Amino acid sequence: MLSVLLVIVFAFAVGGIPFGYLTGRLVLKDDIRRFGSGNTGATNVARTLGWKWGLIVLLLDAAKGIAAVWVASPPGPLFPVADSAPLLRVLAGVFAIVGHMYPIWLKLRGGKGVATALGVIVMLSPPGTLTATVAFAVSFAVSRVVSLSSMISATAFAVGHFATAKKAPLDATQLPLTVFAILIPSMIIWKHRTNIQRLLNGTEKKFRSAATGCQDSASEETPVDDT
């Protein structure tokens, strides 16, 4: 029980590390939330500082998910017993993503969990990672809309899990990942609810990376970030 609690606390704390915010402080010497969409995610960093910084933040946010699941993986630092590993790994992944969405370091105002979820599924389901990545790449190549591509990617992961599960999705060995495949895509889509409204209204903007320097300060009309 202590190992479970430690994994959950670690995952939530690590998931909440605001790399986008810290990058803004490092590069801009300012709060990244004052620029672009006003969000700390990799997309806003790319829009504001350029794609290279956005990629760095994306990889760092994904690394949070990888680290959280690794800690819960035998023989990890806390050495959980093998029988509890599938559930514990999923719990670690869920709390890392929740930590990213609601970081304690930024008064629970975080991103939308997409990049951290990518790191989590790299550890939990390599085939699901491939499915989600291909879905995102195809959608983004066609639409150039990060929010739409993120939701399609999350949905593709869920569909892929149910389609390719070697055993019944409710089998004891598959159940933790099945719950994850329902819960996390649902949360990601919920976090994109304002983007969905703009997509329906035809006002969602396509992605553009800043060429150099930073863009204008955030305004109420600027679209919300997607990662």
Protein backbone atom coordinates (compact mmCIF):
# COMPACT_ATOMS: atom_id res chain seq x y z
CA MET A 1 0.00 0.00 0.00
CA LEU A 2 2.85 2.40 0.79
CA SER A 3 4.40 1.70 -2.61
CA VAL A 4 1.11 2.50 -4.30
CA LEU A 5 0.77 5.79 -2.43
CA LEU A 6 4.36 6.78 -3.18
CA VAL A 7 3.90 6.02 -6.88
CA ILE A 8 0.71 8.09 -7.06
CA VAL A 9 2.28 11.06 -5.26
CA PHE A 10 5.42 10.86 -7.40
CA ALA A 11 3.44 10.59 -10.63
CA PHE A 12 1.17 13.52 -9.79
CA ALA A 13 4.07 15.73 -8.70
CA VAL A 14 6.26 14.91 -11.69
CA GLY A 15 3.33 15.19 -14.10
CA GLY A 16 2.71 18.68 -12.79
CA ILE A 17 6.20 20.03 -13.57
CA PRO A 18 5.35 22.95 -15.93
CA PHE A 19 8.14 22.70 -18.48
CA GLY A 20 6.39 25.14 -20.81
CA TYR A 21 6.18 27.73 -18.05
CA LEU A 22 9.81 27.15 -17.05
CA THR A 23 10.92 27.45 -20.68
CA GLY A 24 9.13 30.77 -20.93
CA ARG A 25 10.91 32.01 -17.83
CA LEU A 26 14.24 30.83 -19.22
CA VAL A 27 13.92 32.14 -22.77
CA LEU A 28 11.49 35.05 -22.51
CA LYS A 29 12.37 36.03 -18.97
CA ASP A 30 8.61 36.29 -18.67
CA ASP A 31 5.47 34.23 -18.08
CA ILE A 32 4.63 32.25 -21.24
CA ARG A 33 0.97 32.58 -20.27
CA ARG A 34 1.15 36.26 -21.23
CA PHE A 35 1.81 35.30 -24.85
CA GLY A 36 0.01 33.48 -27.64
CA SER A 37 -2.83 31.39 -26.30
CA GLY A 38 -1.94 32.00 -22.66
CA ASN A 39 -1.29 28.29 -22.07
CA THR A 40 1.86 26.48 -20.89
CA GLY A 41 1.67 23.60 -23.38
CA ALA A 42 4.14 22.73 -26.13
CA THR A 43 1.85 24.14 -28.82
CA ASN A 44 1.84 27.62 -27.34
CA VAL A 45 5.60 27.46 -26.77
CA ALA A 46 6.06 26.60 -30.45
CA ARG A 47 3.72 29.37 -31.52
CA THR A 48 5.50 31.87 -29.31
CA LEU A 49 9.16 30.83 -29.33
CA GLY A 50 9.46 28.64 -32.41
CA TRP A 51 9.16 24.95 -33.20
CA LYS A 52 12.51 23.97 -31.64
CA TRP A 53 11.49 25.16 -28.19
CA GLY A 54 8.06 23.65 -28.70
CA LEU A 55 9.64 20.30 -29.54
CA ILE A 56 11.82 20.46 -26.43
CA VAL A 57 8.79 21.09 -24.23
CA LEU A 58 6.87 18.31 -25.99
CA LEU A 59 9.67 15.83 -25.28
CA LEU A 60 10.02 16.97 -21.67
CA ASP A 61 6.28 16.70 -21.09
CA ALA A 62 6.29 13.22 -22.63
CA ALA A 63 9.26 12.30 -20.43
CA LYS A 64 7.10 13.00 -17.38
CA GLY A 65 4.74 10.23 -18.40
CA ILE A 66 7.61 7.87 -19.16
CA ALA A 67 9.23 8.53 -15.77
CA ALA A 68 5.99 8.03 -13.85
CA VAL A 69 5.27 4.63 -15.42
CA TRP A 70 8.92 3.56 -15.16
CA VAL A 71 8.89 4.12 -11.41
CA ALA A 72 5.93 1.76 -11.16
CA SER A 73 7.51 -0.90 -13.38
CA PRO A 74 9.27 -3.88 -11.79
CA PRO A 75 12.06 -3.93 -10.93
CA GLY A 76 11.57 -0.20 -10.52
CA PRO A 77 12.86 2.02 -7.72
CA LEU A 78 10.00 0.98 -5.42
CA PHE A 79 10.11 -2.70 -6.46
CA PRO A 80 6.36 -3.33 -6.68
CA VAL A 81 5.44 -7.00 -6.84
CA ALA A 82 4.84 -8.34 -10.32
CA ASP A 83 1.14 -9.09 -9.76
CA SER A 84 0.37 -5.45 -9.01
CA ALA A 85 2.49 -4.06 -11.85
CA PRO A 86 -0.20 -3.65 -14.58
CA LEU A 87 -2.58 -1.76 -12.30
CA LEU A 88 0.18 0.25 -10.66
CA ARG A 89 1.66 1.26 -14.03
CA VAL A 90 -1.74 2.47 -15.22
CA LEU A 91 -2.34 4.37 -11.97
CA ALA A 92 1.03 6.06 -12.36
CA GLY A 93 0.19 7.02 -15.92
CA VAL A 94 -3.23 8.38 -15.02
CA PHE A 95 -1.91 10.51 -12.17
CA ALA A 96 0.96 11.84 -14.29
CA ILE A 97 -1.55 13.03 -16.89
CA VAL A 98 -3.86 14.47 -14.23
CA GLY A 99 -0.85 16.20 -12.70
CA HIS A 100 -0.10 17.80 -16.06
CA MET A 101 -3.69 18.93 -16.43
CA TYR A 102 -3.94 20.22 -12.86
CA PRO A 103 -0.39 21.07 -11.66
CA ILE A 104 -0.03 21.97 -8.02
CA TRP A 105 2.84 24.27 -8.97
CA LEU A 106 0.54 26.52 -11.06
CA LYS A 107 -2.60 26.52 -8.92
CA LEU A 108 -4.09 23.58 -10.87
CA ARG A 109 -4.07 25.47 -14.18
CA GLY A 110 -2.23 23.22 -16.61
CA GLY A 111 -2.29 21.82 -20.12
CA LYS A 112 -4.53 19.31 -21.80
CA GLY A 113 -2.47 16.21 -21.14
CA VAL A 114 -1.70 15.16 -24.72
CA ALA A 115 2.11 15.22 -24.57
CA THR A 116 2.27 13.54 -21.16
CA ALA A 117 -0.26 10.94 -22.32
CA LEU A 118 2.06 10.19 -25.23
CA GLY A 119 4.87 9.38 -22.81
CA VAL A 120 2.55 7.19 -20.76
CA ILE A 121 1.33 5.11 -23.68
CA VAL A 122 4.90 4.66 -24.93
CA MET A 123 5.41 2.67 -21.73
CA LEU A 124 1.99 1.03 -21.48
CA SER A 125 1.21 0.16 -25.07
CA PRO A 126 3.79 0.51 -27.89
CA PRO A 127 1.23 -0.66 -30.51
CA GLY A 128 -1.24 1.89 -29.19
CA THR A 129 1.47 4.54 -29.41
CA LEU A 130 1.99 3.77 -33.08
CA THR A 131 -1.74 3.92 -33.77
CA ALA A 132 -2.13 7.26 -31.96
CA THR A 133 0.95 8.78 -33.59
CA VAL A 134 -0.07 7.80 -37.11
CA ALA A 135 -3.59 9.13 -36.50
CA PHE A 136 -2.21 12.45 -35.26
CA ALA A 137 0.24 12.75 -38.15
CA VAL A 138 -2.38 12.07 -40.81
CA SER A 139 -4.94 14.41 -39.23
CA PHE A 140 -2.41 17.20 -38.74
CA ALA A 141 -1.04 16.85 -42.27
CA VAL A 142 -4.56 17.30 -43.63
CA SER A 143 -6.00 19.87 -41.22
CA ARG A 144 -3.01 21.63 -39.58
CA VAL A 145 -5.23 21.87 -36.48
CA VAL A 146 -3.54 20.57 -33.33
CA SER A 147 -6.69 20.32 -31.22
CA LEU A 148 -8.55 18.22 -33.78
CA SER A 149 -5.52 16.01 -34.37
CA SER A 150 -5.04 15.51 -30.63
CA MET A 151 -8.62 14.37 -30.13
CA ILE A 152 -8.47 12.07 -33.16
CA SER A 153 -5.21 10.62 -31.84
CA ALA A 154 -6.69 9.96 -28.39
CA THR A 155 -9.75 8.35 -29.91
CA ALA A 156 -7.61 6.22 -32.22
CA PHE A 157 -5.70 4.91 -29.22
CA ALA A 158 -8.93 3.85 -27.54
CA VAL A 159 -10.32 2.22 -30.67
CA GLY A 160 -6.98 0.53 -31.33
CA HIS A 161 -6.88 -0.93 -27.84
CA PHE A 162 -10.27 -2.59 -28.18
CA ALA A 163 -9.51 -3.77 -31.70
CA THR A 164 -6.12 -5.31 -30.96
CA ALA A 165 -6.40 -6.57 -27.37
CA LYS A 166 -4.99 -10.09 -27.39
CA LYS A 167 -7.54 -11.12 -24.78
CA ALA A 168 -11.00 -9.83 -23.97
CA PRO A 169 -10.71 -6.16 -22.92
CA LEU A 170 -12.30 -6.96 -19.56
CA ASP A 171 -9.91 -9.79 -18.82
CA ALA A 172 -7.99 -9.27 -15.58
CA THR A 173 -4.74 -8.64 -17.43
CA GLN A 174 -6.33 -6.15 -19.84
CA LEU A 175 -8.78 -4.36 -17.55
CA PRO A 176 -6.41 -1.65 -16.21
CA LEU A 177 -5.41 -0.60 -19.73
CA THR A 178 -9.03 -0.82 -20.87
CA VAL A 179 -10.08 1.62 -18.14
CA PHE A 180 -7.15 3.86 -19.14
CA ALA A 181 -8.20 3.69 -22.81
CA ILE A 182 -11.66 4.96 -21.89
CA LEU A 183 -10.79 7.43 -19.13
CA ILE A 184 -7.83 9.33 -20.58
CA PRO A 185 -9.17 9.96 -24.11
CA SER A 186 -12.43 11.12 -22.50
CA MET A 187 -10.52 13.54 -20.26
CA ILE A 188 -8.46 14.84 -23.17
CA ILE A 189 -11.58 15.45 -25.24
CA TRP A 190 -13.24 17.15 -22.25
CA LYS A 191 -10.22 19.45 -21.86
CA HIS A 192 -10.66 20.39 -25.52
CA ARG A 193 -14.32 21.35 -25.14
CA THR A 194 -13.67 25.01 -25.98
CA ASN A 195 -11.70 23.91 -29.04
CA ILE A 196 -14.63 21.71 -30.06
CA GLN A 197 -16.93 24.72 -29.91
CA ARG A 198 -14.55 26.72 -32.13
CA LEU A 199 -14.27 23.80 -34.54
CA LEU A 200 -18.05 23.71 -34.81
CA ASN A 201 -18.11 27.48 -35.32
CA GLY A 202 -15.33 27.32 -37.90
CA THR A 203 -13.12 29.68 -35.86
CA GLU A 204 -10.39 27.28 -34.68
CA LYS A 205 -7.05 28.49 -36.01
CA LYS A 206 -4.51 26.36 -37.81
CA PHE A 207 -1.07 25.86 -36.29
CA ARG A 208 1.73 28.27 -37.10
CA SER A 209 5.12 28.22 -35.41
CA ALA A 210 6.81 31.50 -34.52
CA ALA A 211 9.68 32.19 -36.90
CA THR A 212 11.76 34.18 -34.47
CA GLY A 213 11.27 35.96 -31.20
CA CYS A 214 7.93 35.96 -29.45
CA GLN A 215 4.44 36.85 -30.51
CA ASP A 216 2.03 39.33 -29.05
CA SER A 217 0.73 39.03 -25.53
CA ALA A 218 -2.26 36.81 -24.97
CA SER A 219 -5.73 38.20 -25.44
CA GLU A 220 -9.18 36.87 -24.71
CA GLU A 221 -9.73 36.21 -28.43
CA THR A 222 -6.62 34.06 -28.84
CA PRO A 223 -7.34 30.31 -29.07
CA VAL A 224 -6.55 28.05 -26.16
CA ASP A 225 -3.56 25.75 -26.45
CA ASP A 226 -3.89 22.06 -27.20
CA THR A 227 -1.28 20.09 -25.26
